[in-house]
Amino acid sequence: MIIPVRCFTCGKIVGNKWEAYLGLLQAEYTEGDALDALGLKRYCCRRMLLAHVDLIEKLLNYVPLEK
């Protein structure tokens, strides 16, 4: 639901790179070029951003049922 703070495999901090990654994608970077620009060279760290699904934005569209 939220981006993990650290890479599960190597422990590198990746949580602070999510907003910058989205900004680079909006600036017409490819996924690989955006990850290279952020300094993510290891494939374990790259998959943390590539495989992340931002479900919180979808869940915020629903209002809890009032009784």
PDB file of N, CA and C in Angstrom:
ATOM      1  N   MET A   1       0.812  -1.188   0.000  1.00  0.00           N
ATOM      2  CA  MET A   1       0.000   0.000   0.000  1.00  0.00           C
ATOM      3  C   MET A   1       0.861   1.261   0.000  1.00  0.00           C
ATOM      4  N   ILE A   2       1.861   1.310   0.848  1.00  0.00           N
ATOM      5  CA  ILE A   2       2.792   2.433   0.799  1.00  0.00           C
ATOM      6  C   ILE A   2       4.156   1.887   0.405  1.00  0.00           C
ATOM      7  N   ILE A   3       4.965   2.722  -0.151  1.00  0.00           N
ATOM      8  CA  ILE A   3       6.276   2.278  -0.621  1.00  0.00           C
ATOM      9  C   ILE A   3       7.119   1.870   0.586  1.00  0.00           C
ATOM     10  N   PRO A   4       7.755   0.719   0.534  1.00  0.00           N
ATOM     11  CA  PRO A   4       8.617   0.311   1.655  1.00  0.00           C
ATOM     12  C   PRO A   4       9.787   1.281   1.828  1.00  0.00           C
ATOM     13  N   VAL A   5      10.217   1.441   3.057  1.00  0.00           N
ATOM     14  CA  VAL A   5      11.295   2.375   3.355  1.00  0.00           C
ATOM     15  C   VAL A   5      12.625   1.848   2.829  1.00  0.00           C
ATOM     16  N   ARG A   6      12.854   0.550   2.987  1.00  0.00           N
ATOM     17  CA  ARG A   6      14.122  -0.055   2.579  1.00  0.00           C
ATOM     18  C   ARG A   6      13.880  -1.185   1.602  1.00  0.00           C
ATOM     19  N   CYS A   7      14.901  -1.470   0.803  1.00  0.00           N
ATOM     20  CA  CYS A   7      14.870  -2.613  -0.101  1.00  0.00           C
ATOM     21  C   CYS A   7      14.835  -3.881   0.744  1.00  0.00           C
ATOM     22  N   PHE A   8      13.980  -4.817   0.384  1.00  0.00           N
ATOM     23  CA  PHE A   8      13.846  -6.048   1.159  1.00  0.00           C
ATOM     24  C   PHE A   8      15.108  -6.897   1.101  1.00  0.00           C
ATOM     25  N   THR A   9      15.855  -6.817   0.020  1.00  0.00           N
ATOM     26  CA  THR A   9      17.005  -7.686  -0.174  1.00  0.00           C
ATOM     27  C   THR A   9      18.291  -7.103   0.398  1.00  0.00           C
ATOM     28  N   CYS A  10      18.635  -5.886   0.008  1.00  0.00           N
ATOM     29  CA  CYS A  10      19.935  -5.332   0.407  1.00  0.00           C
ATOM     30  C   CYS A  10      19.843  -4.288   1.518  1.00  0.00           C
ATOM     31  N   GLY A  11      18.671  -3.744   1.777  1.00  0.00           N
ATOM     32  CA  GLY A  11      18.510  -2.785   2.859  1.00  0.00           C
ATOM     33  C   GLY A  11      18.746  -1.336   2.489  1.00  0.00           C
ATOM     34  N   LYS A  12      18.969  -1.040   1.213  1.00  0.00           N
ATOM     35  CA  LYS A  12      19.180   0.348   0.788  1.00  0.00           C
ATOM     36  C   LYS A  12      17.871   1.130   0.937  1.00  0.00           C
ATOM     37  N   ILE A  13      17.969   2.379   1.310  1.00  0.00           N
ATOM     38  CA  ILE A  13      16.783   3.213   1.490  1.00  0.00           C
ATOM     39  C   ILE A  13      16.208   3.573   0.124  1.00  0.00           C
ATOM     40  N   VAL A  14      14.946   3.213  -0.112  1.00  0.00           N
ATOM     41  CA  VAL A  14      14.284   3.513  -1.380  1.00  0.00           C
ATOM     42  C   VAL A  14      12.991   4.303  -1.173  1.00  0.00           C
ATOM     43  N   GLY A  15      12.541   4.456   0.065  1.00  0.00           N
ATOM     44  CA  GLY A  15      11.272   5.120   0.338  1.00  0.00           C
ATOM     45  C   GLY A  15      11.253   6.589  -0.030  1.00  0.00           C
ATOM     46  N   ASN A  16      12.404   7.235   0.002  1.00  0.00           N
ATOM     47  CA  ASN A  16      12.457   8.664  -0.306  1.00  0.00           C
ATOM     48  C   ASN A  16      12.560   8.939  -1.803  1.00  0.00           C
ATOM     49  N   LYS A  17      12.586   7.910  -2.610  1.00  0.00           N
ATOM     50  CA  LYS A  17      12.762   8.086  -4.048  1.00  0.00           C
ATOM     51  C   LYS A  17      11.456   7.970  -4.830  1.00  0.00           C
ATOM     52  N   TRP A  18      10.358   7.644  -4.187  1.00  0.00           N
ATOM     53  CA  TRP A  18       9.100   7.394  -4.889  1.00  0.00           C
ATOM     54  C   TRP A  18       8.574   8.652  -5.578  1.00  0.00           C
ATOM     55  N   GLU A  19       8.511   9.765  -4.868  1.00  0.00           N
ATOM     56  CA  GLU A  19       7.990  11.005  -5.457  1.00  0.00           C
ATOM     57  C   GLU A  19       8.880  11.486  -6.603  1.00  0.00           C
ATOM     58  N   ALA A  20      10.178  11.378  -6.424  1.00  0.00           N
ATOM     59  CA  ALA A  20      11.101  11.772  -7.494  1.00  0.00           C
ATOM     60  C   ALA A  20      10.936  10.862  -8.703  1.00  0.00           C
ATOM     61  N   TYR A  21      10.716   9.583  -8.460  1.00  0.00           N
ATOM     62  CA  TYR A  21      10.496   8.617  -9.547  1.00  0.00           C
ATOM     63  C   TYR A  21       9.241   8.978 -10.335  1.00  0.00           C
ATOM     64  N   LEU A  22       8.162   9.298  -9.637  1.00  0.00           N
ATOM     65  CA  LEU A  22       6.930   9.686 -10.326  1.00  0.00           C
ATOM     66  C   LEU A  22       7.123  10.981 -11.109  1.00  0.00           C
ATOM     67  N   GLY A  23       7.886  11.907 -10.552  1.00  0.00           N
ATOM     68  CA  GLY A  23       8.177  13.155 -11.255  1.00  0.00           C
ATOM     69  C   GLY A  23       8.968  12.931 -12.531  1.00  0.00           C
ATOM     70  N   LEU A  24       9.922  12.035 -12.479  1.00  0.00           N
ATOM     71  CA  LEU A  24      10.704  11.727 -13.677  1.00  0.00           C
ATOM     72  C   LEU A  24       9.851  11.034 -14.732  1.00  0.00           C
ATOM     73  N   LEU A  25       8.935  10.183 -14.299  1.00  0.00           N
ATOM     74  CA  LEU A  25       8.042   9.533 -15.264  1.00  0.00           C
ATOM     75  C   LEU A  25       7.114  10.554 -15.927  1.00  0.00           C
ATOM     76  N   GLN A  26       6.683  11.554 -15.164  1.00  0.00           N
ATOM     77  CA  GLN A  26       5.851  12.615 -15.729  1.00  0.00           C
ATOM     78  C   GLN A  26       6.647  13.471 -16.710  1.00  0.00           C
ATOM     79  N   ALA A  27       7.955  13.534 -16.518  1.00  0.00           N
ATOM     80  CA  ALA A  27       8.833  14.313 -17.398  1.00  0.00           C
ATOM     81  C   ALA A  27       9.284  13.498 -18.604  1.00  0.00           C
ATOM     82  N   GLU A  28       8.556  12.441 -18.913  1.00  0.00           N
ATOM     83  CA  GLU A  28       8.780  11.622 -20.113  1.00  0.00           C
ATOM     84  C   GLU A  28      10.067  10.796 -20.071  1.00  0.00           C
ATOM     85  N   TYR A  29      10.571  10.483 -18.883  1.00  0.00           N
ATOM     86  CA  TYR A  29      11.676   9.534 -18.762  1.00  0.00           C
ATOM     87  C   TYR A  29      11.112   8.124 -18.901  1.00  0.00           C
ATOM     88  N   THR A  30      11.910   7.202 -19.408  1.00  0.00           N
ATOM     89  CA  THR A  30      11.506   5.799 -19.368  1.00  0.00           C
ATOM     90  C   THR A  30      11.761   5.285 -17.947  1.00  0.00           C
ATOM     91  N   GLU A  31      11.177   4.135 -17.634  1.00  0.00           N
ATOM     92  CA  GLU A  31      11.348   3.590 -16.288  1.00  0.00           C
ATOM     93  C   GLU A  31      12.820   3.331 -15.976  1.00  0.00           C
ATOM     94  N   GLY A  32      13.533   2.753 -16.923  1.00  0.00           N
ATOM     95  CA  GLY A  32      14.947   2.461 -16.706  1.00  0.00           C
ATOM     96  C   GLY A  32      15.786   3.706 -16.542  1.00  0.00           C
ATOM     97  N   ASP A  33      15.528   4.724 -17.356  1.00  0.00           N
ATOM     98  CA  ASP A  33      16.286   5.971 -17.254  1.00  0.00           C
ATOM     99  C   ASP A  33      15.985   6.695 -15.944  1.00  0.00           C
ATOM    100  N   ALA A  34      14.729   6.639 -15.504  1.00  0.00           N
ATOM    101  CA  ALA A  34      14.359   7.275 -14.238  1.00  0.00           C
ATOM    102  C   ALA A  34      15.060   6.595 -13.070  1.00  0.00           C
ATOM    103  N   LEU A  35      15.120   5.277 -13.085  1.00  0.00           N
ATOM    104  CA  LEU A  35      15.797   4.550 -12.010  1.00  0.00           C
ATOM    105  C   LEU A  35      17.299   4.805 -12.032  1.00  0.00           C
ATOM    106  N   ASP A  36      17.877   4.925 -13.224  1.00  0.00           N
ATOM    107  CA  ASP A  36      19.294   5.262 -13.332  1.00  0.00           C
ATOM    108  C   ASP A  36      19.564   6.665 -12.790  1.00  0.00           C
ATOM    109  N   ALA A  37      18.673   7.612 -13.086  1.00  0.00           N
ATOM    110  CA  ALA A  37      18.844   8.983 -12.614  1.00  0.00           C
ATOM    111  C   ALA A  37      18.748   9.066 -11.093  1.00  0.00           C
ATOM    112  N   LEU A  38      17.978   8.176 -10.487  1.00  0.00           N
ATOM    113  CA  LEU A  38      17.839   8.161  -9.032  1.00  0.00           C
ATOM    114  C   LEU A  38      18.976   7.412  -8.343  1.00  0.00           C
ATOM    115  N   GLY A  39      19.835   6.790  -9.117  1.00  0.00           N
ATOM    116  CA  GLY A  39      20.969   6.082  -8.543  1.00  0.00           C
ATOM    117  C   GLY A  39      20.667   4.663  -8.114  1.00  0.00           C
ATOM    118  N   LEU A  40      19.579   4.095  -8.611  1.00  0.00           N
ATOM    119  CA  LEU A  40      19.229   2.715  -8.275  1.00  0.00           C
ATOM    120  C   LEU A  40      19.819   1.801  -9.336  1.00  0.00           C
ATOM    121  N   LYS A  41      20.948   1.197  -9.020  1.00  0.00           N
ATOM    122  CA  LYS A  41      21.660   0.352  -9.977  1.00  0.00           C
ATOM    123  C   LYS A  41      21.379  -1.132  -9.758  1.00  0.00           C
ATOM    124  N   ARG A  42      21.133  -1.529  -8.513  1.00  0.00           N
ATOM    125  CA  ARG A  42      20.886  -2.946  -8.221  1.00  0.00           C
ATOM    126  C   ARG A  42      19.471  -3.322  -8.632  1.00  0.00           C
ATOM    127  N   TYR A  43      19.322  -4.508  -9.186  1.00  0.00           N
ATOM    128  CA  TYR A  43      18.000  -4.915  -9.652  1.00  0.00           C
ATOM    129  C   TYR A  43      17.046  -5.174  -8.492  1.00  0.00           C
ATOM    130  N   CYS A  44      17.573  -5.480  -7.301  1.00  0.00           N
ATOM    131  CA  CYS A  44      16.679  -5.688  -6.164  1.00  0.00           C
ATOM    132  C   CYS A  44      16.025  -4.365  -5.756  1.00  0.00           C
ATOM    133  N   CYS A  45      16.782  -3.273  -5.807  1.00  0.00           N
ATOM    134  CA  CYS A  45      16.236  -1.959  -5.461  1.00  0.00           C
ATOM    135  C   CYS A  45      15.316  -1.443  -6.563  1.00  0.00           C
ATOM    136  N   ARG A  46      15.664  -1.730  -7.804  1.00  0.00           N
ATOM    137  CA  ARG A  46      14.855  -1.277  -8.935  1.00  0.00           C
ATOM    138  C   ARG A  46      13.470  -1.913  -8.897  1.00  0.00           C
ATOM    139  N   ARG A  47      13.412  -3.184  -8.503  1.00  0.00           N
ATOM    140  CA  ARG A  47      12.110  -3.849  -8.475  1.00  0.00           C
ATOM    141  C   ARG A  47      11.214  -3.309  -7.375  1.00  0.00           C
ATOM    142  N   MET A  48      11.815  -2.709  -6.330  1.00  0.00           N
ATOM    143  CA  MET A  48      11.002  -2.142  -5.257  1.00  0.00           C
ATOM    144  C   MET A  48      10.123  -1.013  -5.794  1.00  0.00           C
ATOM    145  N   LEU A  49      10.627  -0.238  -6.725  1.00  0.00           N
ATOM    146  CA  LEU A  49       9.834   0.843  -7.305  1.00  0.00           C
ATOM    147  C   LEU A  49       9.014   0.366  -8.492  1.00  0.00           C
ATOM    148  N   LEU A  50       9.586  -0.513  -9.300  1.00  0.00           N
ATOM    149  CA  LEU A  50       8.872  -0.976 -10.490  1.00  0.00           C
ATOM    150  C   LEU A  50       7.642  -1.812 -10.140  1.00  0.00           C
ATOM    151  N   ALA A  51       7.746  -2.632  -9.102  1.00  0.00           N
ATOM    152  CA  ALA A  51       6.658  -3.548  -8.763  1.00  0.00           C
ATOM    153  C   ALA A  51       5.664  -2.955  -7.768  1.00  0.00           C
ATOM    154  N   HIS A  52       5.919  -1.744  -7.289  1.00  0.00           N
ATOM    155  CA  HIS A  52       5.029  -1.139  -6.295  1.00  0.00           C
ATOM    156  C   HIS A  52       3.708  -0.716  -6.943  1.00  0.00           C
ATOM    157  N   VAL A  53       2.605  -1.063  -6.285  1.00  0.00           N
ATOM    158  CA  VAL A  53       1.271  -0.654  -6.718  1.00  0.00           C
ATOM    159  C   VAL A  53       0.743   0.298  -5.657  1.00  0.00           C
ATOM    160  N   ASP A  54       0.423   1.506  -6.047  1.00  0.00           N
ATOM    161  CA  ASP A  54      -0.010   2.534  -5.104  1.00  0.00           C
ATOM    162  C   ASP A  54      -1.507   2.395  -4.851  1.00  0.00           C
ATOM    163  N   LEU A  55      -1.877   1.485  -3.951  1.00  0.00           N
ATOM    164  CA  LEU A  55      -3.284   1.210  -3.678  1.00  0.00           C
ATOM    165  C   LEU A  55      -3.944   2.267  -2.811  1.00  0.00           C
ATOM    166  N   ILE A  56      -3.182   3.022  -2.057  1.00  0.00           N
ATOM    167  CA  ILE A  56      -3.778   3.986  -1.143  1.00  0.00           C
ATOM    168  C   ILE A  56      -4.594   5.033  -1.899  1.00  0.00           C
ATOM    169  N   GLU A  57      -4.144   5.429  -3.083  1.00  0.00           N
ATOM    170  CA  GLU A  57      -4.896   6.404  -3.874  1.00  0.00           C
ATOM    171  C   GLU A  57      -6.240   5.834  -4.311  1.00  0.00           C
ATOM    172  N   LYS A  58      -6.282   4.552  -4.630  1.00  0.00           N
ATOM    173  CA  LYS A  58      -7.537   3.921  -5.027  1.00  0.00           C
ATOM    174  C   LYS A  58      -8.460   3.737  -3.838  1.00  0.00           C
ATOM    175  N   LEU A  59      -7.904   3.425  -2.674  1.00  0.00           N
ATOM    176  CA  LEU A  59      -8.722   3.207  -1.483  1.00  0.00           C
ATOM    177  C   LEU A  59      -9.315   4.503  -0.950  1.00  0.00           C
ATOM    178  N   LEU A  60      -8.644   5.617  -1.177  1.00  0.00           N
ATOM    179  CA  LEU A  60      -9.156   6.896  -0.695  1.00  0.00           C
ATOM    180  C   LEU A  60     -10.409   7.343  -1.442  1.00  0.00           C
ATOM    181  N   ASN A  61     -10.713   6.715  -2.567  1.00  0.00           N
ATOM    182  CA  ASN A  61     -11.918   7.064  -3.316  1.00  0.00           C
ATOM    183  C   ASN A  61     -13.181   6.530  -2.662  1.00  0.00           C
ATOM    184  N   TYR A  62     -13.043   5.578  -1.751  1.00  0.00           N
ATOM    185  CA  TYR A  62     -14.198   4.952  -1.125  1.00  0.00           C
ATOM    186  C   TYR A  62     -14.432   5.528   0.258  1.00  0.00           C
ATOM    187  N   VAL A  63     -15.698   5.811   0.539  1.00  0.00           N
ATOM    188  CA  VAL A  63     -16.084   6.356   1.831  1.00  0.00           C
ATOM    189  C   VAL A  63     -16.638   5.212   2.673  1.00  0.00           C
ATOM    190  N   PRO A  64     -16.244   5.110   3.940  1.00  0.00           N
ATOM    191  CA  PRO A  64     -16.801   4.041   4.778  1.00  0.00           C
ATOM    192  C   PRO A  64     -18.318   4.180   4.900  1.00  0.00           C
ATOM    193  N   LEU A  65     -18.976   3.065   4.974  1.00  0.00           N
ATOM    194  CA  LEU A  65     -20.434   3.044   5.080  1.00  0.00           C
ATOM    195  C   LEU A  65     -20.859   3.548   6.448  1.00  0.00           C
ATOM    196  N   GLU A  66     -21.738   4.534   6.460  1.00  0.00           N
ATOM    197  CA  GLU A  66     -22.230   5.073   7.728  1.00  0.00           C
ATOM    198  C   GLU A  66     -23.458   4.295   8.148  1.00  0.00           C
ATOM    199  N   LYS A  67     -23.542   3.996   9.451  1.00  0.00           N
ATOM    200  CA  LYS A  67     -24.688   3.232   9.968  1.00  0.00           C
ATOM    201  C   LYS A  67     -25.621   4.121  10.724  1.00  0.00           C
TER     202      LYS A  67
END
